Amino acid sequence: MIRMGSIVSDIVQESSIQTGVVNIITLHTTTGITVNEGLDCLELDIVDLLKKLVPDESPYVHAHFLPSYGRTSANATSHLRGLLLGNNAIFPIQNGKVLFGGAQEIYLVELDGPQERKISIVVSGD
């Protein structure tokens, strides 16, 4: 899990937008964007919960030979866990700063890696 709150805050500050929104979107189906409290112990609990909800050992239909890839898919769990997390977060911007709740952190959750990933961060407003 990668904490992205400070990265997003820096991008908003560099944008000079004073009032608006910032959209954070992962461009991959085997990653997730989620918001929660930024605690190491909670990060471990989130990973544990995802593994319980989508166990590694299950007969997933997606785990078969895919001619388009030329190999057997081994990442059904990554796609399903990503589905549970979602792919985006939106935060308001006030006075040129991201308006976080008291303990909120933005996470990019890698589910099929490590791999090089692309995240879209779009700042809109005045």
N, C-alpha and C. Protein backbone atom coordinates (compact mmCIF):
# COMPACT_ATOMS: atom_id res chain seq x y z
N MET A 1 0.85 -1.17 0.00
CA MET A 1 0.00 0.00 0.00
C MET A 1 0.90 1.24 0.00
N ILE A 2 0.57 2.16 -0.86
CA ILE A 2 1.36 3.38 -0.98
C ILE A 2 0.50 4.56 -0.52
N ARG A 3 1.00 5.28 0.46
CA ARG A 3 0.30 6.47 0.94
C ARG A 3 0.53 7.61 -0.05
N MET A 4 -0.56 8.20 -0.50
CA MET A 4 -0.47 9.21 -1.55
C MET A 4 -0.94 10.60 -1.13
N GLY A 5 -1.34 10.77 0.11
CA GLY A 5 -1.88 12.05 0.54
C GLY A 5 -0.96 13.22 0.32
N SER A 6 0.31 13.07 0.67
CA SER A 6 1.25 14.19 0.50
C SER A 6 1.55 14.45 -0.97
N ILE A 7 1.57 13.40 -1.78
CA ILE A 7 1.78 13.56 -3.22
C ILE A 7 0.64 14.37 -3.83
N VAL A 8 -0.59 13.99 -3.48
CA VAL A 8 -1.77 14.70 -3.99
C VAL A 8 -1.78 16.14 -3.49
N SER A 9 -1.46 16.35 -2.23
CA SER A 9 -1.42 17.70 -1.67
C SER A 9 -0.41 18.58 -2.40
N ASP A 10 0.76 18.02 -2.71
CA ASP A 10 1.78 18.78 -3.44
C ASP A 10 1.30 19.16 -4.84
N ILE A 11 0.64 18.24 -5.52
CA ILE A 11 0.14 18.52 -6.87
C ILE A 11 -0.93 19.62 -6.81
N VAL A 12 -1.81 19.55 -5.82
CA VAL A 12 -2.84 20.59 -5.68
C VAL A 12 -2.19 21.93 -5.40
N GLN A 13 -1.22 21.98 -4.53
CA GLN A 13 -0.55 23.24 -4.20
C GLN A 13 0.14 23.82 -5.44
N GLU A 14 0.79 22.98 -6.24
CA GLU A 14 1.46 23.44 -7.46
C GLU A 14 0.48 23.93 -8.52
N SER A 15 -0.77 23.48 -8.44
CA SER A 15 -1.77 23.84 -9.46
C SER A 15 -2.28 25.26 -9.33
N SER A 16 -2.15 25.86 -8.17
CA SER A 16 -2.68 27.19 -7.86
C SER A 16 -4.20 27.24 -7.80
N ILE A 17 -4.88 26.10 -7.89
CA ILE A 17 -6.34 26.06 -7.72
C ILE A 17 -6.66 26.33 -6.26
N GLN A 18 -7.57 27.27 -6.02
CA GLN A 18 -7.94 27.63 -4.65
C GLN A 18 -9.20 26.93 -4.17
N THR A 19 -10.16 26.74 -5.08
CA THR A 19 -11.43 26.10 -4.74
C THR A 19 -11.78 25.14 -5.86
N GLY A 20 -12.03 23.89 -5.51
CA GLY A 20 -12.38 22.91 -6.54
C GLY A 20 -12.32 21.50 -6.00
N VAL A 21 -11.89 20.59 -6.87
CA VAL A 21 -11.78 19.18 -6.49
C VAL A 21 -10.52 18.59 -7.11
N VAL A 22 -10.05 17.52 -6.49
CA VAL A 22 -8.96 16.74 -7.06
C VAL A 22 -9.46 15.31 -7.19
N ASN A 23 -9.27 14.75 -8.37
CA ASN A 23 -9.67 13.38 -8.66
C ASN A 23 -8.42 12.52 -8.77
N ILE A 24 -8.39 11.42 -8.04
CA ILE A 24 -7.27 10.48 -8.07
C ILE A 24 -7.80 9.18 -8.64
N ILE A 25 -7.26 8.72 -9.77
CA ILE A 25 -7.79 7.54 -10.46
C ILE A 25 -6.63 6.64 -10.87
N THR A 26 -6.72 5.37 -10.52
CA THR A 26 -5.74 4.43 -11.01
C THR A 26 -6.14 3.99 -12.42
N LEU A 27 -5.15 3.79 -13.27
CA LEU A 27 -5.40 3.40 -14.65
C LEU A 27 -5.19 1.91 -14.86
N HIS A 28 -5.37 1.13 -13.80
CA HIS A 28 -5.13 -0.31 -13.85
C HIS A 28 -6.25 -1.05 -13.14
N THR A 29 -6.57 -2.23 -13.63
CA THR A 29 -7.64 -3.05 -13.03
C THR A 29 -7.14 -3.95 -11.92
N THR A 30 -5.85 -3.96 -11.68
CA THR A 30 -5.31 -4.78 -10.59
C THR A 30 -4.62 -3.91 -9.54
N THR A 31 -5.11 -2.69 -9.40
CA THR A 31 -4.76 -1.81 -8.29
C THR A 31 -6.05 -1.22 -7.78
N GLY A 32 -6.00 -0.62 -6.62
CA GLY A 32 -7.16 0.06 -6.07
C GLY A 32 -6.76 1.38 -5.47
N ILE A 33 -7.72 2.28 -5.40
CA ILE A 33 -7.55 3.53 -4.66
C ILE A 33 -8.57 3.49 -3.53
N THR A 34 -8.10 3.73 -2.33
CA THR A 34 -9.01 3.74 -1.20
C THR A 34 -8.58 4.81 -0.22
N VAL A 35 -9.47 5.14 0.69
CA VAL A 35 -9.22 6.17 1.69
C VAL A 35 -9.48 5.56 3.06
N ASN A 36 -8.52 5.75 3.96
CA ASN A 36 -8.69 5.27 5.32
C ASN A 36 -7.68 5.97 6.20
N GLU A 37 -7.64 5.59 7.46
CA GLU A 37 -6.67 6.17 8.38
C GLU A 37 -5.28 5.66 8.04
N GLY A 38 -4.29 6.51 8.11
CA GLY A 38 -2.93 6.14 7.74
C GLY A 38 -2.17 5.50 8.88
N LEU A 39 -2.48 4.25 9.16
CA LEU A 39 -1.81 3.51 10.23
C LEU A 39 -1.26 2.20 9.68
N ASP A 40 -0.02 1.87 10.04
CA ASP A 40 0.60 0.62 9.59
C ASP A 40 -0.25 -0.59 9.97
N CYS A 41 -0.75 -0.62 11.21
CA CYS A 41 -1.53 -1.77 11.68
C CYS A 41 -2.83 -1.90 10.88
N LEU A 42 -3.45 -0.79 10.54
CA LEU A 42 -4.68 -0.84 9.76
C LEU A 42 -4.40 -1.30 8.33
N GLU A 43 -3.26 -0.91 7.79
CA GLU A 43 -2.88 -1.37 6.45
C GLU A 43 -2.79 -2.90 6.43
N LEU A 44 -2.20 -3.48 7.45
CA LEU A 44 -2.11 -4.94 7.55
C LEU A 44 -3.49 -5.57 7.65
N ASP A 45 -4.38 -4.93 8.41
CA ASP A 45 -5.75 -5.45 8.53
C ASP A 45 -6.50 -5.37 7.21
N ILE A 46 -6.28 -4.33 6.44
CA ILE A 46 -6.94 -4.19 5.14
C ILE A 46 -6.49 -5.30 4.21
N VAL A 47 -5.19 -5.54 4.15
CA VAL A 47 -4.66 -6.61 3.31
C VAL A 47 -5.23 -7.96 3.76
N ASP A 48 -5.28 -8.18 5.06
CA ASP A 48 -5.81 -9.43 5.60
C ASP A 48 -7.29 -9.60 5.23
N LEU A 49 -8.06 -8.53 5.35
CA LEU A 49 -9.48 -8.59 4.99
C LEU A 49 -9.67 -8.92 3.51
N LEU A 50 -8.90 -8.29 2.64
CA LEU A 50 -9.01 -8.57 1.21
C LEU A 50 -8.70 -10.03 0.91
N LYS A 51 -7.71 -10.59 1.60
CA LYS A 51 -7.36 -12.00 1.39
C LYS A 51 -8.46 -12.93 1.90
N LYS A 52 -9.14 -12.53 2.97
CA LYS A 52 -10.25 -13.34 3.48
C LYS A 52 -11.46 -13.28 2.55
N LEU A 53 -11.74 -12.09 2.02
CA LEU A 53 -12.89 -11.93 1.14
C LEU A 53 -12.66 -12.57 -0.23
N VAL A 54 -11.42 -12.51 -0.70
CA VAL A 54 -11.05 -13.10 -1.99
C VAL A 54 -9.84 -14.00 -1.74
N PRO A 55 -10.10 -15.24 -1.34
CA PRO A 55 -8.99 -16.15 -1.00
C PRO A 55 -8.14 -16.50 -2.21
N ASP A 56 -6.86 -16.73 -1.95
CA ASP A 56 -5.92 -17.10 -3.01
C ASP A 56 -6.30 -18.43 -3.65
N GLU A 57 -6.72 -19.36 -2.84
CA GLU A 57 -7.02 -20.72 -3.32
C GLU A 57 -8.52 -20.87 -3.55
N SER A 58 -8.94 -20.62 -4.75
CA SER A 58 -10.34 -20.78 -5.14
C SER A 58 -10.38 -21.04 -6.64
N PRO A 59 -11.37 -21.77 -7.12
CA PRO A 59 -11.43 -22.09 -8.56
C PRO A 59 -12.01 -20.94 -9.39
N TYR A 60 -11.25 -19.88 -9.55
CA TYR A 60 -11.73 -18.71 -10.29
C TYR A 60 -11.83 -19.02 -11.78
N VAL A 61 -12.91 -18.60 -12.39
CA VAL A 61 -13.13 -18.81 -13.82
C VAL A 61 -12.06 -18.07 -14.64
N HIS A 62 -11.61 -16.93 -14.14
CA HIS A 62 -10.61 -16.12 -14.83
C HIS A 62 -9.26 -16.84 -14.92
N ALA A 63 -9.03 -17.83 -14.09
CA ALA A 63 -7.74 -18.54 -14.05
C ALA A 63 -7.71 -19.64 -15.10
N HIS A 64 -7.66 -19.25 -16.36
CA HIS A 64 -7.57 -20.20 -17.46
C HIS A 64 -6.67 -19.61 -18.55
N PHE A 65 -6.39 -20.40 -19.55
CA PHE A 65 -5.54 -19.91 -20.64
C PHE A 65 -6.24 -18.79 -21.40
N LEU A 66 -5.55 -17.68 -21.55
CA LEU A 66 -6.09 -16.53 -22.28
C LEU A 66 -5.29 -16.35 -23.57
N PRO A 67 -5.89 -16.67 -24.71
CA PRO A 67 -5.17 -16.54 -25.98
C PRO A 67 -4.62 -15.13 -26.22
N SER A 68 -5.33 -14.11 -25.74
CA SER A 68 -4.87 -12.74 -25.95
C SER A 68 -3.56 -12.45 -25.23
N TYR A 69 -3.29 -13.17 -24.13
CA TYR A 69 -2.04 -13.02 -23.39
C TYR A 69 -1.04 -14.12 -23.71
N GLY A 70 -1.51 -15.21 -24.27
CA GLY A 70 -0.65 -16.33 -24.58
C GLY A 70 -0.20 -17.11 -23.36
N ARG A 71 -0.95 -16.99 -22.27
CA ARG A 71 -0.60 -17.69 -21.04
C ARG A 71 -1.84 -17.85 -20.17
N THR A 72 -1.69 -18.61 -19.11
CA THR A 72 -2.78 -18.77 -18.16
C THR A 72 -2.80 -17.57 -17.22
N SER A 73 -3.97 -17.03 -17.00
CA SER A 73 -4.11 -15.90 -16.10
C SER A 73 -3.90 -16.36 -14.67
N ALA A 74 -3.10 -15.60 -13.94
CA ALA A 74 -2.82 -15.94 -12.54
C ALA A 74 -3.22 -14.80 -11.61
N ASN A 75 -4.00 -13.85 -12.10
CA ASN A 75 -4.29 -12.69 -11.27
C ASN A 75 -5.78 -12.44 -11.06
N ALA A 76 -6.58 -13.49 -11.06
CA ALA A 76 -8.01 -13.32 -10.79
C ALA A 76 -8.23 -12.64 -9.45
N THR A 77 -7.47 -13.03 -8.44
CA THR A 77 -7.64 -12.42 -7.12
C THR A 77 -7.35 -10.92 -7.17
N SER A 78 -6.37 -10.51 -7.95
CA SER A 78 -6.04 -9.09 -8.05
C SER A 78 -7.19 -8.29 -8.64
N HIS A 79 -7.80 -8.81 -9.67
CA HIS A 79 -8.95 -8.12 -10.28
C HIS A 79 -10.12 -8.03 -9.31
N LEU A 80 -10.40 -9.11 -8.61
CA LEU A 80 -11.54 -9.13 -7.69
C LEU A 80 -11.31 -8.25 -6.47
N ARG A 81 -10.10 -8.25 -5.95
CA ARG A 81 -9.78 -7.38 -4.81
C ARG A 81 -9.84 -5.91 -5.23
N GLY A 82 -9.38 -5.62 -6.45
CA GLY A 82 -9.46 -4.26 -6.97
C GLY A 82 -10.90 -3.80 -7.11
N LEU A 83 -11.76 -4.71 -7.50
CA LEU A 83 -13.18 -4.40 -7.61
C LEU A 83 -13.75 -3.96 -6.27
N LEU A 84 -13.33 -4.62 -5.20
CA LEU A 84 -13.81 -4.27 -3.86
C LEU A 84 -13.31 -2.90 -3.40
N LEU A 85 -12.09 -2.55 -3.79
CA LEU A 85 -11.51 -1.28 -3.36
C LEU A 85 -12.02 -0.10 -4.16
N GLY A 86 -12.26 -0.30 -5.43
CA GLY A 86 -12.59 0.82 -6.31
C GLY A 86 -11.34 1.40 -6.93
N ASN A 87 -11.54 2.32 -7.87
CA ASN A 87 -10.39 2.83 -8.62
C ASN A 87 -10.16 4.33 -8.48
N ASN A 88 -10.91 4.99 -7.57
CA ASN A 88 -10.75 6.44 -7.52
C ASN A 88 -11.15 7.02 -6.17
N ALA A 89 -10.75 8.25 -5.97
CA ALA A 89 -11.16 9.05 -4.82
C ALA A 89 -11.25 10.50 -5.28
N ILE A 90 -12.16 11.23 -4.69
CA ILE A 90 -12.34 12.65 -5.01
C ILE A 90 -12.31 13.42 -3.69
N PHE A 91 -11.54 14.51 -3.68
CA PHE A 91 -11.45 15.34 -2.49
C PHE A 91 -11.70 16.80 -2.86
N PRO A 92 -12.35 17.54 -1.97
CA PRO A 92 -12.52 18.97 -2.20
C PRO A 92 -11.21 19.73 -1.95
N ILE A 93 -11.11 20.86 -2.61
CA ILE A 93 -9.99 21.78 -2.41
C ILE A 93 -10.57 23.08 -1.86
N GLN A 94 -10.04 23.54 -0.75
CA GLN A 94 -10.45 24.82 -0.17
C GLN A 94 -9.20 25.59 0.22
N ASN A 95 -9.19 26.85 -0.16
CA ASN A 95 -8.04 27.71 0.15
C ASN A 95 -6.73 27.11 -0.35
N GLY A 96 -6.77 26.45 -1.51
CA GLY A 96 -5.58 25.92 -2.13
C GLY A 96 -5.04 24.64 -1.52
N LYS A 97 -5.83 24.02 -0.63
CA LYS A 97 -5.38 22.79 0.03
C LYS A 97 -6.44 21.71 -0.07
N VAL A 98 -5.98 20.46 -0.11
CA VAL A 98 -6.89 19.32 -0.09
C VAL A 98 -7.56 19.28 1.27
N LEU A 99 -8.87 19.12 1.27
CA LEU A 99 -9.63 19.07 2.52
C LEU A 99 -9.76 17.62 2.96
N PHE A 100 -8.81 17.19 3.80
CA PHE A 100 -8.83 15.85 4.36
C PHE A 100 -9.59 15.88 5.68
N GLY A 101 -10.20 14.72 6.02
CA GLY A 101 -10.71 14.55 7.37
C GLY A 101 -9.53 14.40 8.31
N GLY A 102 -9.77 14.41 9.59
CA GLY A 102 -8.72 14.41 10.60
C GLY A 102 -7.67 13.32 10.44
N ALA A 103 -8.07 12.13 10.01
CA ALA A 103 -7.11 11.02 9.94
C ALA A 103 -7.06 10.38 8.56
N GLN A 104 -7.61 11.05 7.56
CA GLN A 104 -7.70 10.43 6.24
C GLN A 104 -6.37 10.39 5.50
N GLU A 105 -6.17 9.27 4.83
CA GLU A 105 -5.02 9.07 3.94
C GLU A 105 -5.54 8.43 2.66
N ILE A 106 -4.93 8.79 1.53
CA ILE A 106 -5.25 8.19 0.24
C ILE A 106 -4.24 7.07 0.00
N TYR A 107 -4.74 5.91 -0.38
CA TYR A 107 -3.87 4.77 -0.65
C TYR A 107 -4.00 4.30 -2.09
N LEU A 108 -2.86 4.02 -2.71
CA LEU A 108 -2.80 3.20 -3.91
C LEU A 108 -2.47 1.81 -3.41
N VAL A 109 -3.32 0.85 -3.71
CA VAL A 109 -3.12 -0.52 -3.26
C VAL A 109 -2.71 -1.37 -4.46
N GLU A 110 -1.49 -1.88 -4.41
CA GLU A 110 -0.96 -2.74 -5.47
C GLU A 110 -1.42 -4.17 -5.18
N LEU A 111 -2.07 -4.78 -6.17
CA LEU A 111 -2.63 -6.12 -5.98
C LEU A 111 -1.99 -7.16 -6.88
N ASP A 112 -1.13 -6.74 -7.80
CA ASP A 112 -0.55 -7.67 -8.77
C ASP A 112 0.85 -7.21 -9.16
N GLY A 113 1.68 -7.04 -8.19
CA GLY A 113 2.97 -6.48 -8.52
C GLY A 113 4.06 -6.95 -7.60
N PRO A 114 5.12 -6.20 -7.56
CA PRO A 114 5.21 -4.81 -8.01
C PRO A 114 5.29 -4.66 -9.53
N GLN A 115 4.69 -3.60 -10.00
CA GLN A 115 4.74 -3.23 -11.41
C GLN A 115 4.79 -1.71 -11.50
N GLU A 116 5.20 -1.22 -12.66
CA GLU A 116 5.12 0.22 -12.89
C GLU A 116 3.66 0.56 -13.11
N ARG A 117 3.17 1.58 -12.43
CA ARG A 117 1.76 1.95 -12.48
C ARG A 117 1.58 3.40 -12.88
N LYS A 118 0.41 3.70 -13.45
CA LYS A 118 0.06 5.07 -13.81
C LYS A 118 -1.18 5.47 -13.03
N ILE A 119 -1.09 6.65 -12.44
CA ILE A 119 -2.20 7.21 -11.69
C ILE A 119 -2.52 8.57 -12.30
N SER A 120 -3.80 8.83 -12.50
CA SER A 120 -4.23 10.14 -13.01
C SER A 120 -4.67 10.98 -11.82
N ILE A 121 -4.09 12.16 -11.70
CA ILE A 121 -4.50 13.10 -10.66
C ILE A 121 -4.90 14.38 -11.39
N VAL A 122 -6.20 14.68 -11.35
CA VAL A 122 -6.73 15.82 -12.08
C VAL A 122 -7.26 16.85 -11.08
N VAL A 123 -6.75 18.06 -11.19
CA VAL A 123 -7.15 19.15 -10.31
C VAL A 123 -8.04 20.09 -11.12
N SER A 124 -9.25 20.36 -10.61
CA SER A 124 -10.19 21.21 -11.32
C SER A 124 -10.73 22.28 -10.38
N GLY A 125 -10.97 23.46 -10.91
CA GLY A 125 -11.56 24.52 -10.10
C GLY A 125 -11.05 25.88 -10.49
N ASP A 126 -11.19 26.79 -9.54
CA ASP A 126 -10.79 28.19 -9.76
C ASP A 126 -9.59 28.55 -8.91
